[in-house]
C-alpha atoms as a PDB file:
ATOM      1  CA  MET A   1      -0.053   0.059  -0.169  1.00  0.00           C
ATOM      2  CA  MET A   2       1.294   3.651  -0.563  1.00  0.00           C
ATOM      3  CA  PRO A   3       1.268   6.245   1.386  1.00  0.00           C
ATOM      4  CA  ILE A   4      -1.034   9.078   0.824  1.00  0.00           C
ATOM      5  CA  GLU A   5       0.527  12.346  -0.229  1.00  0.00           C
ATOM      6  CA  ARG A   6      -0.600  15.341   1.142  1.00  0.00           C
ATOM      7  CA  ASN A   7      -0.631  18.353  -0.512  1.00  0.00           C
ATOM      8  CA  PRO A   8       0.874  21.172   1.583  1.00  0.00           C
ATOM      9  CA  THR A   9      -0.739  24.099  -0.029  1.00  0.00           C
ATOM     10  CA  VAL A  10      -4.209  22.578   1.009  1.00  0.00           C
ATOM     11  CA  THR A  11      -3.019  22.327   4.354  1.00  0.00           C
ATOM     12  CA  SER A  12      -2.007  25.650   4.819  1.00  0.00           C
ATOM     13  CA  HIS A  13      -4.922  27.128   2.976  1.00  0.00           C
ATOM     14  CA  MET A  14      -7.252  25.280   5.796  1.00  0.00           C
ATOM     15  CA  ARG A  15      -5.087  26.742   8.585  1.00  0.00           C
ATOM     16  CA  PHE A  16      -6.127  30.154   7.954  1.00  0.00           C
ATOM     17  CA  ALA A  17      -9.659  29.121   6.419  1.00  0.00           C
ATOM     18  CA  ILE A  18     -11.202  27.549   9.835  1.00  0.00           C
ATOM     19  CA  PRO A  19     -10.072  30.525  11.851  1.00  0.00           C
ATOM     20  CA  LEU A  20     -11.929  32.835   9.164  1.00  0.00           C
ATOM     21  CA  VAL A  21     -14.834  30.767   9.233  1.00  0.00           C
ATOM     22  CA  ILE A  22     -15.049  30.865  12.842  1.00  0.00           C
ATOM     23  CA  PHE A  23     -14.600  35.019  12.820  1.00  0.00           C
ATOM     24  CA  ILE A  24     -17.385  35.277  10.311  1.00  0.00           C
ATOM     25  CA  LEU A  25     -19.645  33.457  12.779  1.00  0.00           C
ATOM     26  CA  LEU A  26     -19.058  35.381  15.554  1.00  0.00           C
ATOM     27  CA  VAL A  27     -19.427  38.215  13.858  1.00  0.00           C
ATOM     28  CA  VAL A  28     -22.961  36.934  12.249  1.00  0.00           C
ATOM     29  CA  LEU A  29     -24.101  35.872  15.850  1.00  0.00           C
ATOM     30  CA  LEU A  30     -22.987  39.314  17.647  1.00  0.00           C
ATOM     31  CA  GLY A  31     -24.706  41.340  14.642  1.00  0.00           C
ATOM     32  CA  VAL A  32     -27.808  39.685  15.180  1.00  0.00           C
ATOM     33  CA  GLY A  33     -27.532  40.262  19.187  1.00  0.00           C
ATOM     34  CA  LEU A  34     -27.334  43.716  18.451  1.00  0.00           C
ATOM     35  CA  THR A  35     -30.443  43.930  16.699  1.00  0.00           C
ATOM     36  CA  LEU A  36     -32.323  42.535  19.686  1.00  0.00           C
ATOM     37  CA  ASP A  37     -34.224  44.620  22.412  1.00  0.00           C
ATOM     38  CA  PRO A  38     -32.412  44.203  25.917  1.00  0.00           C
ATOM     39  CA  ARG A  39     -35.777  44.997  27.277  1.00  0.00           C
ATOM     40  CA  GLU A  40     -37.986  41.744  25.924  1.00  0.00           C
ATOM     41  CA  VAL A  41     -35.799  39.007  27.997  1.00  0.00           C
ATOM     42  CA  PRO A  42     -38.359  36.328  27.840  1.00  0.00           C
ATOM     43  CA  SER A  43     -39.789  35.180  30.718  1.00  0.00           C
ATOM     44  CA  PRO A  44     -41.105  31.300  31.437  1.00  0.00           C
ATOM     45  CA  LEU A  45     -43.231  33.021  34.254  1.00  0.00           C
ATOM     46  CA  ILE A  46     -45.865  34.607  31.096  1.00  0.00           C
ATOM     47  CA  GLY A  47     -49.328  32.894  31.348  1.00  0.00           C
ATOM     48  CA  LYS A  48     -48.213  31.058  34.917  1.00  0.00           C
ATOM     49  CA  PRO A  49     -49.571  31.985  38.103  1.00  0.00           C
ATOM     50  CA  ALA A  50     -47.801  34.440  40.099  1.00  0.00           C
ATOM     51  CA  PRO A  51     -45.393  33.111  42.531  1.00  0.00           C
ATOM     52  CA  ALA A  52     -47.246  33.257  46.100  1.00  0.00           C
ATOM     53  CA  PHE A  53     -45.688  35.973  48.597  1.00  0.00           C
ATOM     54  CA  SER A  54     -46.295  37.567  52.191  1.00  0.00           C
ATOM     55  CA  LEU A  55     -44.407  40.163  52.839  1.00  0.00           C
ATOM     56  CA  PRO A  56     -44.042  42.985  55.236  1.00  0.00           C
ATOM     57  CA  GLU A  57     -44.981  46.558  54.124  1.00  0.00           C
ATOM     58  CA  VAL A  58     -42.195  49.383  53.513  1.00  0.00           C
ATOM     59  CA  ALA A  59     -44.139  51.712  55.400  1.00  0.00           C
ATOM     60  CA  ALA A  60     -45.560  49.601  58.150  1.00  0.00           C
ATOM     61  CA  ALA A  61     -43.467  46.807  58.999  1.00  0.00           C
ATOM     62  CA  ASP A  62     -46.267  45.591  61.169  1.00  0.00           C
ATOM     63  CA  ARG A  63     -48.647  44.726  58.248  1.00  0.00           C
ATOM     64  CA  THR A  64     -48.134  42.471  55.691  1.00  0.00           C
ATOM     65  CA  LEU A  65     -49.383  41.947  52.082  1.00  0.00           C
ATOM     66  CA  SER A  66     -49.845  38.999  50.471  1.00  0.00           C
ATOM     67  CA  LEU A  67     -50.627  37.748  46.660  1.00  0.00           C
ATOM     68  CA  GLU A  68     -54.160  36.193  47.648  1.00  0.00           C
ATOM     69  CA  GLN A  69     -54.947  39.620  48.568  1.00  0.00           C
ATOM     70  CA  LEU A  70     -54.288  41.180  45.580  1.00  0.00           C
ATOM     71  CA  LYS A  71     -56.206  38.257  43.435  1.00  0.00           C
ATOM     72  CA  GLY A  72     -59.704  39.285  41.950  1.00  0.00           C
ATOM     73  CA  GLN A  73     -58.433  42.707  40.597  1.00  0.00           C
ATOM     74  CA  VAL A  74     -55.747  43.345  37.206  1.00  0.00           C
ATOM     75  CA  PHE A  75     -52.536  45.205  38.889  1.00  0.00           C
ATOM     76  CA  LEU A  76     -49.073  45.760  38.088  1.00  0.00           C
ATOM     77  CA  LEU A  77     -46.211  44.903  40.267  1.00  0.00           C
ATOM     78  CA  ASN A  78     -43.133  47.063  40.266  1.00  0.00           C
ATOM     79  CA  VAL A  79     -39.767  45.615  41.238  1.00  0.00           C
ATOM     80  CA  TRP A  80     -37.484  49.178  42.216  1.00  0.00           C
ATOM     81  CA  ALA A  81     -34.730  50.011  44.984  1.00  0.00           C
ATOM     82  CA  SER A  82     -33.716  53.219  46.405  1.00  0.00           C
ATOM     83  CA  TRP A  83     -30.061  52.060  45.122  1.00  0.00           C
ATOM     84  CA  CYS A  84     -31.615  51.252  41.318  1.00  0.00           C
ATOM     85  CA  VAL A  85     -30.374  54.698  38.950  1.00  0.00           C
ATOM     86  CA  SER A  86     -33.083  53.796  36.379  1.00  0.00           C
ATOM     87  CA  CYS A  87     -36.051  53.339  38.681  1.00  0.00           C
ATOM     88  CA  ARG A  88     -35.534  57.014  39.535  1.00  0.00           C
ATOM     89  CA  GLN A  89     -35.782  57.399  35.495  1.00  0.00           C
ATOM     90  CA  GLU A  90     -38.773  55.288  35.724  1.00  0.00           C
ATOM     91  CA  HIS A  91     -40.403  56.645  38.991  1.00  0.00           C
ATOM     92  CA  PRO A  92     -42.117  59.764  37.207  1.00  0.00           C
ATOM     93  CA  VAL A  93     -43.963  57.876  34.959  1.00  0.00           C
ATOM     94  CA  LEU A  94     -45.703  55.565  37.519  1.00  0.00           C
ATOM     95  CA  VAL A  95     -46.622  58.366  39.386  1.00  0.00           C
ATOM     96  CA  ASP A  96     -48.457  60.043  36.498  1.00  0.00           C
ATOM     97  CA  PHE A  97     -49.786  56.540  36.045  1.00  0.00           C
ATOM     98  CA  ALA A  98     -50.845  55.816  39.527  1.00  0.00           C
ATOM     99  CA  LYS A  99     -53.030  59.351  39.043  1.00  0.00           C
ATOM    100  CA  ARG A 100     -54.885  57.959  36.681  1.00  0.00           C
ATOM    101  CA  GLY A 101     -56.335  55.291  38.865  1.00  0.00           C
ATOM    102  CA  ILE A 102     -56.438  52.824  35.776  1.00  0.00           C
ATOM    103  CA  VAL A 103     -55.025  49.671  38.139  1.00  0.00           C
ATOM    104  CA  PRO A 104     -53.387  49.606  41.397  1.00  0.00           C
ATOM    105  CA  ILE A 105     -49.671  49.923  41.239  1.00  0.00           C
ATOM    106  CA  TYR A 106     -47.799  47.760  44.305  1.00  0.00           C
ATOM    107  CA  GLY A 107     -44.457  48.393  44.697  1.00  0.00           C
ATOM    108  CA  LEU A 108     -41.945  45.151  45.633  1.00  0.00           C
ATOM    109  CA  ASN A 109     -38.923  46.910  47.241  1.00  0.00           C
ATOM    110  CA  TYR A 110     -35.748  44.488  46.016  1.00  0.00           C
ATOM    111  CA  LYS A 111     -32.899  44.204  48.677  1.00  0.00           C
ATOM    112  CA  ASP A 112     -33.040  47.599  50.132  1.00  0.00           C
ATOM    113  CA  THR A 113     -33.354  49.169  53.409  1.00  0.00           C
ATOM    114  CA  ARG A 114     -36.458  50.234  54.782  1.00  0.00           C
ATOM    115  CA  ASN A 115     -34.904  53.564  55.833  1.00  0.00           C
ATOM    116  CA  ASP A 116     -33.517  54.427  52.369  1.00  0.00           C
ATOM    117  CA  ALA A 117     -36.584  53.115  50.532  1.00  0.00           C
ATOM    118  CA  LEU A 118     -39.188  55.386  53.068  1.00  0.00           C
ATOM    119  CA  ALA A 119     -36.497  58.301  52.177  1.00  0.00           C
ATOM    120  CA  TRP A 120     -36.685  57.781  48.458  1.00  0.00           C
ATOM    121  CA  LEU A 121     -40.903  57.387  48.377  1.00  0.00           C
ATOM    122  CA  LYS A 122     -40.832  60.577  50.730  1.00  0.00           C
ATOM    123  CA  ARG A 123     -38.753  62.362  48.027  1.00  0.00           C
ATOM    124  CA  PHE A 124     -39.768  61.177  44.670  1.00  0.00           C
ATOM    125  CA  GLY A 125     -43.404  60.417  45.399  1.00  0.00           C
ATOM    126  CA  ASP A 126     -45.418  57.495  46.214  1.00  0.00           C
ATOM    127  CA  PRO A 127     -47.412  55.641  43.160  1.00  0.00           C
ATOM    128  CA  TYR A 128     -47.812  52.437  45.212  1.00  0.00           C
ATOM    129  CA  ARG A 129     -51.225  50.859  46.785  1.00  0.00           C
ATOM    130  CA  ALA A 130     -48.594  49.162  48.717  1.00  0.00           C
ATOM    131  CA  SER A 131     -44.883  48.195  48.221  1.00  0.00           C
ATOM    132  CA  VAL A 132     -43.412  45.239  49.782  1.00  0.00           C
ATOM    133  CA  PHE A 133     -40.087  45.061  51.255  1.00  0.00           C
ATOM    134  CA  ASP A 134     -38.101  42.260  49.994  1.00  0.00           C
ATOM    135  CA  GLU A 135     -34.563  42.724  52.444  1.00  0.00           C
ATOM    136  CA  ASP A 136     -33.178  39.393  51.175  1.00  0.00           C
ATOM    137  CA  GLY A 137     -34.196  39.190  47.552  1.00  0.00           C
ATOM    138  CA  LYS A 138     -35.882  35.701  47.781  1.00  0.00           C
ATOM    139  CA  THR A 139     -39.426  36.813  46.855  1.00  0.00           C
ATOM    140  CA  GLY A 140     -37.468  38.560  43.579  1.00  0.00           C
ATOM    141  CA  ILE A 141     -35.784  35.392  42.911  1.00  0.00           C
ATOM    142  CA  ASP A 142     -38.939  33.616  42.896  1.00  0.00           C
ATOM    143  CA  TRP A 143     -40.670  35.946  40.483  1.00  0.00           C
ATOM    144  CA  GLY A 144     -37.856  35.397  38.003  1.00  0.00           C
ATOM    145  CA  VAL A 145     -36.386  39.184  38.893  1.00  0.00           C
ATOM    146  CA  TYR A 146     -33.088  39.777  36.818  1.00  0.00           C
ATOM    147  CA  GLY A 147     -32.680  43.353  37.924  1.00  0.00           C
ATOM    148  CA  VAL A 148     -34.495  45.799  38.595  1.00  0.00           C
ATOM    149  CA  PRO A 149     -36.740  47.743  37.655  1.00  0.00           C
ATOM    150  CA  GLU A 150     -39.220  45.653  36.027  1.00  0.00           C
ATOM    151  CA  THR A 151     -42.475  45.585  35.917  1.00  0.00           C
ATOM    152  CA  PHE A 152     -45.327  42.651  36.026  1.00  0.00           C
ATOM    153  CA  LEU A 153     -48.841  42.731  34.833  1.00  0.00           C
ATOM    154  CA  VAL A 154     -50.869  40.585  36.672  1.00  0.00           C
ATOM    155  CA  ASP A 155     -54.745  39.484  35.798  1.00  0.00           C
ATOM    156  CA  LYS A 156     -57.649  38.879  38.277  1.00  0.00           C
ATOM    157  CA  HIS A 157     -56.741  35.211  38.588  1.00  0.00           C
ATOM    158  CA  GLY A 158     -53.140  36.077  39.750  1.00  0.00           C
ATOM    159  CA  VAL A 159     -51.216  34.967  36.493  1.00  0.00           C
ATOM    160  CA  ILE A 160     -48.450  36.812  35.261  1.00  0.00           C
ATOM    161  CA  ARG A 161     -49.497  38.474  31.570  1.00  0.00           C
ATOM    162  CA  TYR A 162     -46.427  40.380  30.607  1.00  0.00           C
ATOM    163  CA  LYS A 163     -42.946  41.294  31.893  1.00  0.00           C
ATOM    164  CA  GLN A 164     -41.117  44.586  31.582  1.00  0.00           C
ATOM    165  CA  THR A 165     -37.500  44.274  31.978  1.00  0.00           C
ATOM    166  CA  GLY A 166     -35.962  47.941  32.374  1.00  0.00           C
ATOM    167  CA  PRO A 167     -37.653  51.144  33.364  1.00  0.00           C
ATOM    168  CA  VAL A 168     -41.190  51.739  32.111  1.00  0.00           C
ATOM    169  CA  THR A 169     -41.857  54.648  29.880  1.00  0.00           C
ATOM    170  CA  HIS A 170     -45.362  56.677  28.844  1.00  0.00           C
ATOM    171  CA  GLU A 171     -44.354  55.050  25.017  1.00  0.00           C
ATOM    172  CA  ASP A 172     -44.323  51.267  26.779  1.00  0.00           C
ATOM    173  CA  LEU A 173     -47.976  52.131  28.909  1.00  0.00           C
ATOM    174  CA  GLU A 174     -49.321  53.233  25.938  1.00  0.00           C
ATOM    175  CA  ASN A 175     -48.181  50.671  23.753  1.00  0.00           C
ATOM    176  CA  LYS A 176     -48.481  47.669  25.133  1.00  0.00           C
ATOM    177  CA  ILE A 177     -49.220  47.525  29.118  1.00  0.00           C
ATOM    178  CA  LEU A 178     -52.505  49.959  28.626  1.00  0.00           C
ATOM    179  CA  PRO A 179     -53.949  47.623  25.736  1.00  0.00           C
ATOM    180  CA  LEU A 180     -53.491  44.658  27.465  1.00  0.00           C
ATOM    181  CA  ILE A 181     -54.752  45.747  30.826  1.00  0.00           C
ATOM    182  CA  ARG A 182     -58.156  46.667  29.278  1.00  0.00           C
ATOM    183  CA  GLU A 183     -58.256  43.563  27.640  1.00  0.00           C
ATOM    184  CA  LEU A 184     -58.142  41.811  30.840  1.00  0.00           C
ATOM    185  CA  GLN A 185     -60.524  44.106  32.722  1.00  0.00           C
ATOM    186  CA  GLY A 186     -62.836  43.142  30.066  1.00  0.00           C
ATOM    187  CA  ALA A 187     -62.367  39.621  30.548  1.00  0.00           C
ATOM    188  CA  ALA A 188     -64.669  37.449  33.338  1.00  0.00           C
END
C-alpha cells in the first residue's frame, strides 16, 4: 500500500480558513444580537400563576401583604429599589400613571433598606397602593427578577400576563401595557 501524499498548499489554506470561518460566524452572531431589544427578556412565568408571597409593607413593618389579597383585580407589580438608577428614570412615569387610577400599582422593594426606601418614596412620590419589603431578595428571585426595575402585569386570577424588564416609559404604557390592561379588565 502506498502512503497518501499531503498537499502542503491545501494544509496551509485550511490553517487559515478555519479561523476565518469561526470569525465570520462570531460576527454574524454578534450582529444578530445587536438587533435584539435588551428589555425584552423572555420570562418563563408569562401565562403561569404568579409566585406566592407574604411580605411586610415598606411603610408599616407590622402589616403584611400577600398575593392572595391581590387576586380578583388586575394589577401591576413594580420591582424597585432606592439604589436603582433606572428606577429614578421610571418613577415619574409610574407616579403619573397611578394618578390616572386605571389599575393599582404595588411595589416590591428589592434588596434595599427600609429607611432608604421610605426616604426615596418621600422624596420622589409614592405611586404604590402598597409596597412590600423584600430585603433578602428571595421573593424577587421567585418572580424571576433579573434586575431592577421590572414590572409585571397580573390578571384577576393571579396569572402573570406581561413582564417589562427595565424602566417603563410613557410609550410602553400607552402601546403595550394599557392595551393589555383593558383586555384583561374586560375578561371575566
